[in-house]
Amino acid sequence: MDKLFKKYQRAAIRDIPAVFGRAVKALFGSRWKECAALLLVFAQLFGTVIFKTPVNPHGQALDLEKRFDLVWSDEFDNGFDTTKWQGHYVYGANDTQKRDTAYWNRSQVSFTDDGCLKISVEYKDGPAGEQYYAYGMETNPNKHYDAGYEGYAQLYGYFETRCILPKGCGLNPAFWMLTDGMWDDDTDGGVTGCELDIFETETDYNKRSPYFNSVYHTVHVDGYDEAHRREGQGDFYADDPYNKFNTYGVEWNPDGYIFYINGVETARTDFGGVCQVPLYLILSVGVDEKIAQNEFLPAEFIVDYVRAYQYK
């Protein structure tokens, strides 16, 4: 079975009887809405096995208050906090760098009246001329491009963002974690360095696609050259994520990584060997060639907060 199916498909096969059993209990308990929701998941799991399509989150609920303490956050109530954030692949407040199909520049960052970060993607006459522009920002404490910058990295805990995704083709909004050790050719799997993609999206933005309204999680290890390995954790539906706020998080401990959407577990893994060094946080909007089909520009990635918790 390991050769025929990917890890997340094998997980779906294991989940099918358990979800059906939960649906039957809900039926006999006259919990009609719960039963209907579980039967939908039951059908989606077959789609995951056969067609690799998304499924609704259906795992255990995260007990945040009892298990974790908040130790770091940015609620984005005070603008761009240069003690916490700096450009990712952008080396200073006024720097501009080409990233795939767009140029990244901090001018694409603004804030809403109710205290949310906005990363805008648009075509304009900017620092690099008439181009597509976007941005990525990080908390890497090992590189300092702005005066007063401190950054942040943490070993183990729970990490979460609450956000609305930008609309249209060609966009890859992401919340992810990284360490400088990932650039080494040999990172002992993921033990001394990994890339942990808490969520990303497909870039086709096709409302008729089964992947519409879904995100995916990925773990990358062993650098970015020939030794590179990755494990996808599957695709999972959020709640109307292009119009509503959803939360995306990961719990990380010595045993592995557990991914969540809106506080419900979606996947877990220890792929590559669990990272044993601190990781820093990244928010970004990647842009690929499908941006030429985007009818919603300027598109906005709206972020309510980013938070880091430690185990009690």
C-alpha atoms as a PDB file:
ATOM      1  CA  MET A   1       0.000   0.000   0.000  1.00  0.00           C
ATOM      2  CA  ASP A   2       2.905   2.366   0.673  1.00  0.00           C
ATOM      3  CA  LYS A   3       3.906   2.222  -2.998  1.00  0.00           C
ATOM      4  CA  LEU A   4       0.364   2.711  -4.321  1.00  0.00           C
ATOM      5  CA  PHE A   5      -0.738   5.609  -2.109  1.00  0.00           C
ATOM      6  CA  LYS A   6       0.807   8.752  -0.692  1.00  0.00           C
ATOM      7  CA  LYS A   7       0.934   9.216   3.067  1.00  0.00           C
ATOM      8  CA  TYR A   8      -2.179  11.397   3.241  1.00  0.00           C
ATOM      9  CA  GLN A   9      -4.121   8.862   1.124  1.00  0.00           C
ATOM     10  CA  ARG A  10      -3.130   6.087   3.512  1.00  0.00           C
ATOM     11  CA  ALA A  11      -4.295   8.299   6.386  1.00  0.00           C
ATOM     12  CA  ALA A  12      -7.635   8.754   4.608  1.00  0.00           C
ATOM     13  CA  ILE A  13      -8.008   4.967   4.266  1.00  0.00           C
ATOM     14  CA  ARG A  14      -7.423   4.598   7.994  1.00  0.00           C
ATOM     15  CA  ASP A  15      -9.921   7.387   8.769  1.00  0.00           C
ATOM     16  CA  ILE A  16     -12.805   5.999   6.695  1.00  0.00           C
ATOM     17  CA  PRO A  17     -14.130   3.395   9.189  1.00  0.00           C
ATOM     18  CA  ALA A  18     -13.627   5.714  12.179  1.00  0.00           C
ATOM     19  CA  VAL A  19     -15.541   8.584  10.546  1.00  0.00           C
ATOM     20  CA  PHE A  20     -18.342   6.243   9.475  1.00  0.00           C
ATOM     21  CA  GLY A  21     -18.580   4.954  13.047  1.00  0.00           C
ATOM     22  CA  ARG A  22     -18.830   8.507  14.378  1.00  0.00           C
ATOM     23  CA  ALA A  23     -21.575   9.246  11.835  1.00  0.00           C
ATOM     24  CA  VAL A  24     -23.586   6.200  12.956  1.00  0.00           C
ATOM     25  CA  LYS A  25     -23.301   7.249  16.629  1.00  0.00           C
ATOM     26  CA  ALA A  26     -24.441  10.758  15.717  1.00  0.00           C
ATOM     27  CA  LEU A  27     -27.392   9.290  13.790  1.00  0.00           C
ATOM     28  CA  PHE A  28     -28.562   7.161  16.712  1.00  0.00           C
ATOM     29  CA  GLY A  29     -28.072  10.138  18.999  1.00  0.00           C
ATOM     30  CA  SER A  30     -30.331  12.277  16.780  1.00  0.00           C
ATOM     31  CA  ARG A  31     -27.469  14.702  16.165  1.00  0.00           C
ATOM     32  CA  TRP A  32     -28.527  15.288  12.570  1.00  0.00           C
ATOM     33  CA  LYS A  33     -26.169  18.106  11.628  1.00  0.00           C
ATOM     34  CA  GLU A  34     -23.159  16.256  13.041  1.00  0.00           C
ATOM     35  CA  CYS A  35     -24.207  13.107  11.218  1.00  0.00           C
ATOM     36  CA  ALA A  36     -24.568  14.962   7.896  1.00  0.00           C
ATOM     37  CA  ALA A  37     -21.183  16.638   8.321  1.00  0.00           C
ATOM     38  CA  LEU A  38     -19.485  13.321   9.070  1.00  0.00           C
ATOM     39  CA  LEU A  39     -21.137  11.608   6.109  1.00  0.00           C
ATOM     40  CA  LEU A  40     -19.802  14.391   3.885  1.00  0.00           C
ATOM     41  CA  VAL A  41     -16.303  13.778   5.281  1.00  0.00           C
ATOM     42  CA  PHE A  42     -16.830  10.044   4.733  1.00  0.00           C
ATOM     43  CA  ALA A  43     -17.510  10.692   1.028  1.00  0.00           C
ATOM     44  CA  GLN A  44     -14.625  13.170   0.763  1.00  0.00           C
ATOM     45  CA  LEU A  45     -12.203  10.604   2.178  1.00  0.00           C
ATOM     46  CA  PHE A  46     -12.985   8.279  -0.718  1.00  0.00           C
ATOM     47  CA  GLY A  47     -12.252  11.206  -3.049  1.00  0.00           C
ATOM     48  CA  THR A  48      -8.920  11.721  -1.333  1.00  0.00           C
ATOM     49  CA  VAL A  49      -7.986   8.066  -1.776  1.00  0.00           C
ATOM     50  CA  ILE A  50      -9.048   7.842  -5.419  1.00  0.00           C
ATOM     51  CA  PHE A  51      -8.588  11.368  -6.813  1.00  0.00           C
ATOM     52  CA  LYS A  52      -6.340  13.065  -4.209  1.00  0.00           C
ATOM     53  CA  THR A  53      -9.031  15.724  -3.656  1.00  0.00           C
ATOM     54  CA  PRO A  54      -9.459  17.790  -0.447  1.00  0.00           C
ATOM     55  CA  VAL A  55     -11.365  16.833   2.665  1.00  0.00           C
ATOM     56  CA  ASN A  56     -12.912  18.837   5.510  1.00  0.00           C
ATOM     57  CA  PRO A  57     -10.838  18.947   8.730  1.00  0.00           C
ATOM     58  CA  HIS A  58     -12.172  16.166  10.957  1.00  0.00           C
ATOM     59  CA  GLY A  59      -9.499  15.336  13.532  1.00  0.00           C
ATOM     60  CA  GLN A  60      -9.154  16.209  17.197  1.00  0.00           C
ATOM     61  CA  ALA A  61      -9.878  19.736  18.413  1.00  0.00           C
ATOM     62  CA  LEU A  62      -6.971  21.802  19.724  1.00  0.00           C
ATOM     63  CA  ASP A  63      -7.177  22.524  23.468  1.00  0.00           C
ATOM     64  CA  LEU A  64      -5.312  25.816  23.300  1.00  0.00           C
ATOM     65  CA  GLU A  65      -6.086  27.334  26.713  1.00  0.00           C
ATOM     66  CA  LYS A  66      -5.269  24.266  28.771  1.00  0.00           C
ATOM     67  CA  ARG A  67      -2.095  23.250  26.974  1.00  0.00           C
ATOM     68  CA  PHE A  68      -0.374  26.454  25.821  1.00  0.00           C
ATOM     69  CA  ASP A  69       0.724  29.917  26.941  1.00  0.00           C
ATOM     70  CA  LEU A  70       0.979  32.823  24.499  1.00  0.00           C
ATOM     71  CA  VAL A  71       4.627  33.999  24.411  1.00  0.00           C
ATOM     72  CA  TRP A  72       4.883  36.139  21.256  1.00  0.00           C
ATOM     73  CA  SER A  73       2.419  37.803  18.910  1.00  0.00           C
ATOM     74  CA  ASP A  74       1.780  40.615  16.507  1.00  0.00           C
ATOM     75  CA  GLU A  75      -1.827  41.803  16.431  1.00  0.00           C
ATOM     76  CA  PHE A  76      -0.904  44.437  13.796  1.00  0.00           C
ATOM     77  CA  ASP A  77      -2.511  47.259  15.761  1.00  0.00           C
ATOM     78  CA  ASN A  78       0.589  49.476  15.505  1.00  0.00           C
ATOM     79  CA  GLY A  79       1.592  49.231  11.869  1.00  0.00           C
ATOM     80  CA  PHE A  80       4.720  47.479  10.597  1.00  0.00           C
ATOM     81  CA  ASP A  81       6.714  46.658  13.728  1.00  0.00           C
ATOM     82  CA  THR A  82      10.345  46.773  12.600  1.00  0.00           C
ATOM     83  CA  THR A  83      11.486  45.201  15.867  1.00  0.00           C
ATOM     84  CA  LYS A  84       9.582  42.021  14.892  1.00  0.00           C
ATOM     85  CA  TRP A  85       9.494  41.886  11.077  1.00  0.00           C
ATOM     86  CA  GLN A  86      11.754  42.507   8.129  1.00  0.00           C
ATOM     87  CA  GLY A  87      11.619  41.638   4.444  1.00  0.00           C
ATOM     88  CA  HIS A  88      11.985  38.016   3.380  1.00  0.00           C
ATOM     89  CA  TYR A  89      14.431  38.027   0.456  1.00  0.00           C
ATOM     90  CA  VAL A  90      14.071  41.825   0.658  1.00  0.00           C
ATOM     91  CA  TYR A  91      17.047  43.508   2.295  1.00  0.00           C
ATOM     92  CA  GLY A  92      15.767  46.674   3.952  1.00  0.00           C
ATOM     93  CA  ALA A  93      12.695  48.874   4.027  1.00  0.00           C
ATOM     94  CA  ASN A  94      13.296  50.379   0.577  1.00  0.00           C
ATOM     95  CA  ASP A  95      14.761  47.351  -1.183  1.00  0.00           C
ATOM     96  CA  THR A  96      13.087  45.639  -4.153  1.00  0.00           C
ATOM     97  CA  GLN A  97      13.795  42.052  -5.215  1.00  0.00           C
ATOM     98  CA  LYS A  98      12.446  39.835  -7.997  1.00  0.00           C
ATOM     99  CA  ARG A  99      10.652  36.747  -6.698  1.00  0.00           C
ATOM    100  CA  ASP A 100       9.301  34.501  -9.445  1.00  0.00           C
ATOM    101  CA  THR A 101       6.825  36.627 -11.443  1.00  0.00           C
ATOM    102  CA  ALA A 102       6.627  39.639  -9.102  1.00  0.00           C
ATOM    103  CA  TYR A 103       8.893  42.143  -7.389  1.00  0.00           C
ATOM    104  CA  TRP A 104       8.728  42.277  -3.616  1.00  0.00           C
ATOM    105  CA  ASN A 105       8.722  45.696  -1.945  1.00  0.00           C
ATOM    106  CA  ARG A 106       7.469  46.908   1.441  1.00  0.00           C
ATOM    107  CA  SER A 107       5.230  49.489  -0.239  1.00  0.00           C
ATOM    108  CA  GLN A 108       2.810  46.580  -0.750  1.00  0.00           C
ATOM    109  CA  VAL A 109       2.172  46.487   3.018  1.00  0.00           C
ATOM    110  CA  SER A 110      -0.619  48.549   4.580  1.00  0.00           C
ATOM    111  CA  PHE A 111      -3.079  48.221   7.461  1.00  0.00           C
ATOM    112  CA  THR A 112      -6.839  48.288   7.906  1.00  0.00           C
ATOM    113  CA  ASP A 113      -8.627  50.619  10.319  1.00  0.00           C
ATOM    114  CA  ASP A 114      -9.439  47.683  12.599  1.00  0.00           C
ATOM    115  CA  GLY A 115      -5.816  46.551  12.908  1.00  0.00           C
ATOM    116  CA  CYS A 116      -5.141  43.990  10.206  1.00  0.00           C
ATOM    117  CA  LEU A 117      -2.062  43.663   8.028  1.00  0.00           C
ATOM    118  CA  LYS A 118      -2.609  43.842   4.258  1.00  0.00           C
ATOM    119  CA  ILE A 119      -0.136  42.540   1.686  1.00  0.00           C
ATOM    120  CA  SER A 120      -1.387  43.749  -1.698  1.00  0.00           C
ATOM    121  CA  VAL A 121      -0.570  42.251  -5.070  1.00  0.00           C
ATOM    122  CA  GLU A 122      -0.966  44.558  -8.061  1.00  0.00           C
ATOM    123  CA  TYR A 123       0.437  45.620 -11.391  1.00  0.00           C
ATOM    124  CA  LYS A 124       1.815  49.162 -11.189  1.00  0.00           C
ATOM    125  CA  ASP A 125       4.624  51.502 -12.071  1.00  0.00           C
ATOM    126  CA  GLY A 126       6.839  50.939  -9.019  1.00  0.00           C
ATOM    127  CA  PRO A 127      10.518  50.864  -8.007  1.00  0.00           C
ATOM    128  CA  ALA A 128      11.333  48.319 -10.741  1.00  0.00           C
ATOM    129  CA  GLY A 129       9.107  49.954 -13.355  1.00  0.00           C
ATOM    130  CA  GLU A 130       5.793  48.586 -14.595  1.00  0.00           C
ATOM    131  CA  GLN A 131       5.649  45.174 -12.943  1.00  0.00           C
ATOM    132  CA  TYR A 132       3.639  42.959 -10.633  1.00  0.00           C
ATOM    133  CA  TYR A 133       4.438  43.691  -6.988  1.00  0.00           C
ATOM    134  CA  ALA A 134       3.951  41.654  -3.798  1.00  0.00           C
ATOM    135  CA  TYR A 135       5.801  41.111  -0.504  1.00  0.00           C
ATOM    136  CA  GLY A 136       7.108  38.572   1.985  1.00  0.00           C
ATOM    137  CA  MET A 137       8.112  39.263   5.610  1.00  0.00           C
ATOM    138  CA  GLU A 138       9.952  37.240   8.237  1.00  0.00           C
ATOM    139  CA  THR A 139      11.080  37.210  11.880  1.00  0.00           C
ATOM    140  CA  ASN A 140      14.557  35.704  11.250  1.00  0.00           C
ATOM    141  CA  PRO A 141      16.614  36.834  14.279  1.00  0.00           C
ATOM    142  CA  ASN A 142      19.931  36.023  12.583  1.00  0.00           C
ATOM    143  CA  LYS A 143      19.790  38.698   9.876  1.00  0.00           C
ATOM    144  CA  HIS A 144      19.234  42.390  10.509  1.00  0.00           C
ATOM    145  CA  TYR A 145      18.292  44.745   7.677  1.00  0.00           C
ATOM    146  CA  ASP A 146      16.531  47.453   9.751  1.00  0.00           C
ATOM    147  CA  ALA A 147      17.726  49.411  12.773  1.00  0.00           C
ATOM    148  CA  GLY A 148      16.216  48.151  16.023  1.00  0.00           C
ATOM    149  CA  TYR A 149      15.176  44.827  14.528  1.00  0.00           C
ATOM    150  CA  GLU A 150      15.202  41.824  16.894  1.00  0.00           C
ATOM    151  CA  GLY A 151      13.121  39.167  15.154  1.00  0.00           C
ATOM    152  CA  TYR A 152      11.894  35.966  16.750  1.00  0.00           C
ATOM    153  CA  ALA A 153      12.441  32.216  16.555  1.00  0.00           C
ATOM    154  CA  GLN A 154      11.154  29.420  18.771  1.00  0.00           C
ATOM    155  CA  LEU A 155      11.735  25.713  19.405  1.00  0.00           C
ATOM    156  CA  TYR A 156       8.480  23.713  19.760  1.00  0.00           C
ATOM    157  CA  GLY A 157       5.025  25.011  20.598  1.00  0.00           C
ATOM    158  CA  TYR A 158       1.956  26.064  18.632  1.00  0.00           C
ATOM    159  CA  PHE A 159       2.003  28.706  15.900  1.00  0.00           C
ATOM    160  CA  GLU A 160      -1.075  30.268  14.314  1.00  0.00           C
ATOM    161  CA  THR A 161      -2.302  32.997  11.993  1.00  0.00           C
ATOM    162  CA  ARG A 162      -5.830  34.277  11.325  1.00  0.00           C
ATOM    163  CA  CYS A 163      -6.319  35.621   7.818  1.00  0.00           C
ATOM    164  CA  ILE A 164      -8.362  36.118   4.645  1.00  0.00           C
ATOM    165  CA  LEU A 165      -6.749  34.869   1.439  1.00  0.00           C
ATOM    166  CA  PRO A 166      -6.228  37.033  -1.672  1.00  0.00           C
ATOM    167  CA  LYS A 167      -8.482  36.270  -4.629  1.00  0.00           C
ATOM    168  CA  GLY A 168      -7.570  35.303  -8.145  1.00  0.00           C
ATOM    169  CA  CYS A 169      -5.192  33.259 -10.243  1.00  0.00           C
ATOM    170  CA  GLY A 170      -1.444  33.251  -9.837  1.00  0.00           C
ATOM    171  CA  LEU A 171      -1.312  33.852  -6.077  1.00  0.00           C
ATOM    172  CA  ASN A 172       0.268  31.668  -3.409  1.00  0.00           C
ATOM    173  CA  PRO A 173      -0.383  33.180   0.032  1.00  0.00           C
ATOM    174  CA  ALA A 174       1.497  31.314   2.739  1.00  0.00           C
ATOM    175  CA  PHE A 175       2.262  31.144   6.438  1.00  0.00           C
ATOM    176  CA  TRP A 176       5.426  29.140   7.006  1.00  0.00           C
ATOM    177  CA  MET A 177       8.462  28.568   9.219  1.00  0.00           C
ATOM    178  CA  LEU A 178      12.132  28.208   8.383  1.00  0.00           C
ATOM    179  CA  THR A 179      15.659  28.088   9.756  1.00  0.00           C
ATOM    180  CA  ASP A 180      18.921  29.148   8.118  1.00  0.00           C
ATOM    181  CA  GLY A 181      20.139  25.557   8.466  1.00  0.00           C
ATOM    182  CA  MET A 182      17.744  24.563   5.697  1.00  0.00           C
ATOM    183  CA  TRP A 183      20.239  25.988   3.200  1.00  0.00           C
ATOM    184  CA  ASP A 184      22.850  23.390   4.197  1.00  0.00           C
ATOM    185  CA  ASP A 185      23.224  20.573   1.687  1.00  0.00           C
ATOM    186  CA  ASP A 186      22.777  17.966   4.426  1.00  0.00           C
ATOM    187  CA  THR A 187      20.394  18.808   7.260  1.00  0.00           C
ATOM    188  CA  ASP A 188      20.216  15.270   8.699  1.00  0.00           C
ATOM    189  CA  GLY A 189      16.724  15.061   7.284  1.00  0.00           C
ATOM    190  CA  GLY A 190      14.882  17.846   9.086  1.00  0.00           C
ATOM    191  CA  VAL A 191      16.659  17.565  12.426  1.00  0.00           C
ATOM    192  CA  THR A 192      18.971  20.548  11.994  1.00  0.00           C
ATOM    193  CA  GLY A 193      16.854  22.485   9.512  1.00  0.00           C
ATOM    194  CA  CYS A 194      13.513  22.312   7.729  1.00  0.00           C
ATOM    195  CA  GLU A 195      10.862  24.335   5.967  1.00  0.00           C
ATOM    196  CA  LEU A 196       7.456  23.938   7.569  1.00  0.00           C
ATOM    197  CA  ASP A 197       4.622  25.192   5.324  1.00  0.00           C
ATOM    198  CA  ILE A 198       1.663  25.672   7.646  1.00  0.00           C
ATOM    199  CA  PHE A 199      -0.541  26.563   4.704  1.00  0.00           C
ATOM    200  CA  GLU A 200      -0.300  27.406   1.020  1.00  0.00           C
ATOM    201  CA  THR A 201      -2.834  27.416  -1.810  1.00  0.00           C
ATOM    202  CA  GLU A 202      -3.058  26.273  -5.391  1.00  0.00           C
ATOM    203  CA  THR A 203      -2.645  29.158  -7.846  1.00  0.00           C
ATOM    204  CA  ASP A 204      -5.351  28.438 -10.440  1.00  0.00           C
ATOM    205  CA  TYR A 205      -8.322  29.903  -8.465  1.00  0.00           C
ATOM    206  CA  ASN A 206     -10.900  27.869 -10.369  1.00  0.00           C
ATOM    207  CA  LYS A 207     -14.280  27.919  -8.630  1.00  0.00           C
ATOM    208  CA  ARG A 208     -15.253  24.718 -10.441  1.00  0.00           C
ATOM    209  CA  SER A 209     -12.154  22.909  -9.208  1.00  0.00           C
ATOM    210  CA  PRO A 210     -12.493  20.533  -6.234  1.00  0.00           C
ATOM    211  CA  TYR A 211      -9.428  22.311  -4.802  1.00  0.00           C
ATOM    212  CA  PHE A 212     -11.168  25.695  -4.595  1.00  0.00           C
ATOM    213  CA  ASN A 213     -11.440  26.942  -0.975  1.00  0.00           C
ATOM    214  CA  SER A 214      -8.724  24.508   0.124  1.00  0.00           C
ATOM    215  CA  VAL A 215      -5.155  24.825   1.412  1.00  0.00           C
ATOM    216  CA  TYR A 216      -2.313  22.347   1.790  1.00  0.00           C
ATOM    217  CA  HIS A 217       0.533  21.665   4.239  1.00  0.00           C
ATOM    218  CA  THR A 218       4.076  20.557   3.352  1.00  0.00           C
ATOM    219  CA  VAL A 219       7.316  19.654   5.144  1.00  0.00           C
ATOM    220  CA  HIS A 220      10.631  20.204   3.286  1.00  0.00           C
ATOM    221  CA  VAL A 221      14.003  18.829   4.441  1.00  0.00           C
ATOM    222  CA  ASP A 222      17.625  18.398   3.273  1.00  0.00           C
ATOM    223  CA  GLY A 223      18.180  21.796   1.700  1.00  0.00           C
ATOM    224  CA  TYR A 224      17.079  23.080  -1.686  1.00  0.00           C
ATOM    225  CA  ASP A 225      19.497  21.271  -3.982  1.00  0.00           C
ATOM    226  CA  GLU A 226      19.694  17.661  -5.138  1.00  0.00           C
ATOM    227  CA  ALA A 227      19.231  16.199  -1.644  1.00  0.00           C
ATOM    228  CA  HIS A 228      15.929  18.043  -1.155  1.00  0.00           C
ATOM    229  CA  ARG A 229      12.934  15.987  -0.045  1.00  0.00           C
ATOM    230  CA  ARG A 230       9.339  17.006   0.663  1.00  0.00           C
ATOM    231  CA  GLU A 231       6.189  15.407   2.037  1.00  0.00           C
ATOM    232  CA  GLY A 232       2.743  16.836   1.246  1.00  0.00           C
ATOM    233  CA  GLN A 233       0.155  16.385   3.997  1.00  0.00           C
ATOM    234  CA  GLY A 234      -2.876  16.620   1.705  1.00  0.00           C
ATOM    235  CA  ASP A 235      -5.427  19.304   0.822  1.00  0.00           C
ATOM    236  CA  PHE A 236      -8.072  20.513   3.270  1.00  0.00           C
ATOM    237  CA  TYR A 237     -11.075  22.813   3.015  1.00  0.00           C
ATOM    238  CA  ALA A 238     -11.316  26.034   4.975  1.00  0.00           C
ATOM    239  CA  ASP A 239     -14.526  28.030   5.511  1.00  0.00           C
ATOM    240  CA  ASP A 240     -14.919  30.384   2.508  1.00  0.00           C
ATOM    241  CA  PRO A 241     -11.276  31.494   2.999  1.00  0.00           C
ATOM    242  CA  TYR A 242     -11.302  34.217   0.307  1.00  0.00           C
ATOM    243  CA  ASN A 243     -14.066  36.101   2.114  1.00  0.00           C
ATOM    244  CA  LYS A 244     -13.871  34.996   5.761  1.00  0.00           C
ATOM    245  CA  PHE A 245     -11.175  34.808   8.417  1.00  0.00           C
ATOM    246  CA  ASN A 246      -9.862  31.314   9.126  1.00  0.00           C
ATOM    247  CA  THR A 247      -7.078  30.188  11.444  1.00  0.00           C
ATOM    248  CA  TYR A 248      -4.174  28.012  10.288  1.00  0.00           C
ATOM    249  CA  GLY A 249      -1.751  26.544  12.775  1.00  0.00           C
ATOM    250  CA  VAL A 250       0.821  23.892  13.545  1.00  0.00           C
ATOM    251  CA  GLU A 251       1.738  22.176  16.795  1.00  0.00           C
ATOM    252  CA  TRP A 252       5.389  21.145  16.897  1.00  0.00           C
ATOM    253  CA  ASN A 253       7.003  18.964  19.551  1.00  0.00           C
ATOM    254  CA  PRO A 254       9.794  16.358  19.680  1.00  0.00           C
ATOM    255  CA  ASP A 255       7.399  13.714  18.352  1.00  0.00           C
ATOM    256  CA  GLY A 256       6.225  15.520  15.231  1.00  0.00           C
ATOM    257  CA  TYR A 257       4.094  18.201  13.574  1.00  0.00           C
ATOM    258  CA  ILE A 258       0.296  18.444  13.865  1.00  0.00           C
ATOM    259  CA  PHE A 259      -1.522  20.783  11.468  1.00  0.00           C
ATOM    260  CA  TYR A 260      -4.819  22.545  12.190  1.00  0.00           C
ATOM    261  CA  ILE A 261      -7.474  24.587  10.404  1.00  0.00           C
ATOM    262  CA  ASN A 262      -9.821  26.521  12.683  1.00  0.00           C
ATOM    263  CA  GLY A 263      -8.559  24.519  15.637  1.00  0.00           C
ATOM    264  CA  VAL A 264      -9.353  21.105  14.108  1.00  0.00           C
ATOM    265  CA  GLU A 265      -6.557  18.687  13.291  1.00  0.00           C
ATOM    266  CA  THR A 266      -5.970  18.005   9.595  1.00  0.00           C
ATOM    267  CA  ALA A 267      -2.710  16.022   9.471  1.00  0.00           C
ATOM    268  CA  ARG A 268       0.303  14.920  11.486  1.00  0.00           C
ATOM    269  CA  THR A 269       3.782  13.728  10.542  1.00  0.00           C
ATOM    270  CA  ASP A 270       7.375  13.247  11.705  1.00  0.00           C
ATOM    271  CA  PHE A 271       8.727  13.286   8.153  1.00  0.00           C
ATOM    272  CA  GLY A 272      12.495  13.692   7.816  1.00  0.00           C
ATOM    273  CA  GLY A 273      13.087  13.546  11.549  1.00  0.00           C
ATOM    274  CA  VAL A 274      11.545  16.307  13.640  1.00  0.00           C
ATOM    275  CA  CYS A 275      13.406  19.627  13.615  1.00  0.00           C
ATOM    276  CA  GLN A 276      15.342  20.245  16.858  1.00  0.00           C
ATOM    277  CA  VAL A 277      16.376  23.868  16.274  1.00  0.00           C
ATOM    278  CA  PRO A 278      14.292  27.074  16.502  1.00  0.00           C
ATOM    279  CA  LEU A 279      12.299  28.186  13.463  1.00  0.00           C
ATOM    280  CA  TYR A 280      11.284  31.718  12.508  1.00  0.00           C
ATOM    281  CA  LEU A 281       7.966  32.862  11.007  1.00  0.00           C
ATOM    282  CA  ILE A 282       7.170  34.038   7.480  1.00  0.00           C
ATOM    283  CA  LEU A 283       4.128  35.613   5.807  1.00  0.00           C
ATOM    284  CA  SER A 284       4.279  35.948   2.032  1.00  0.00           C
ATOM    285  CA  VAL A 285       2.327  36.098  -1.207  1.00  0.00           C
ATOM    286  CA  GLY A 286       4.088  34.309  -4.031  1.00  0.00           C
ATOM    287  CA  VAL A 287       3.146  35.147  -7.621  1.00  0.00           C
ATOM    288  CA  ASP A 288       3.428  32.879 -10.664  1.00  0.00           C
ATOM    289  CA  GLU A 289       2.704  33.288 -14.379  1.00  0.00           C
ATOM    290  CA  LYS A 290      -1.030  32.640 -13.889  1.00  0.00           C
ATOM    291  CA  ILE A 291      -1.263  36.191 -12.481  1.00  0.00           C
ATOM    292  CA  ALA A 292      -2.002  37.358 -16.049  1.00  0.00           C
ATOM    293  CA  GLN A 293      -5.433  35.699 -15.673  1.00  0.00           C
ATOM    294  CA  ASN A 294      -6.226  37.422 -12.361  1.00  0.00           C
ATOM    295  CA  GLU A 295      -9.405  39.530 -12.507  1.00  0.00           C
ATOM    296  CA  PHE A 296      -9.291  40.706  -8.892  1.00  0.00           C
ATOM    297  CA  LEU A 297      -6.190  42.918  -8.774  1.00  0.00           C
ATOM    298  CA  PRO A 298      -5.225  44.518  -6.532  1.00  0.00           C
ATOM    299  CA  ALA A 299      -5.625  41.377  -4.446  1.00  0.00           C
ATOM    300  CA  GLU A 300      -5.196  41.563  -0.672  1.00  0.00           C
ATOM    301  CA  PHE A 301      -3.839  39.052   1.841  1.00  0.00           C
ATOM    302  CA  ILE A 302      -5.433  40.269   5.098  1.00  0.00           C
ATOM    303  CA  VAL A 303      -3.866  39.031   8.342  1.00  0.00           C
ATOM    304  CA  ASP A 304      -5.504  39.632  11.729  1.00  0.00           C
ATOM    305  CA  TYR A 305      -2.654  38.239  13.821  1.00  0.00           C
ATOM    306  CA  VAL A 306       0.325  35.920  14.087  1.00  0.00           C
ATOM    307  CA  ARG A 307       0.835  34.169  17.445  1.00  0.00           C
ATOM    308  CA  ALA A 308       3.357  31.798  19.000  1.00  0.00           C
ATOM    309  CA  TYR A 309       2.587  29.654  22.036  1.00  0.00           C
ATOM    310  CA  GLN A 310       4.719  27.460  24.283  1.00  0.00           C
ATOM    311  CA  TYR A 311       3.632  24.349  26.135  1.00  0.00           C
ATOM    312  CA  LYS A 312       2.541  24.953  29.718  1.00  0.00           C
END
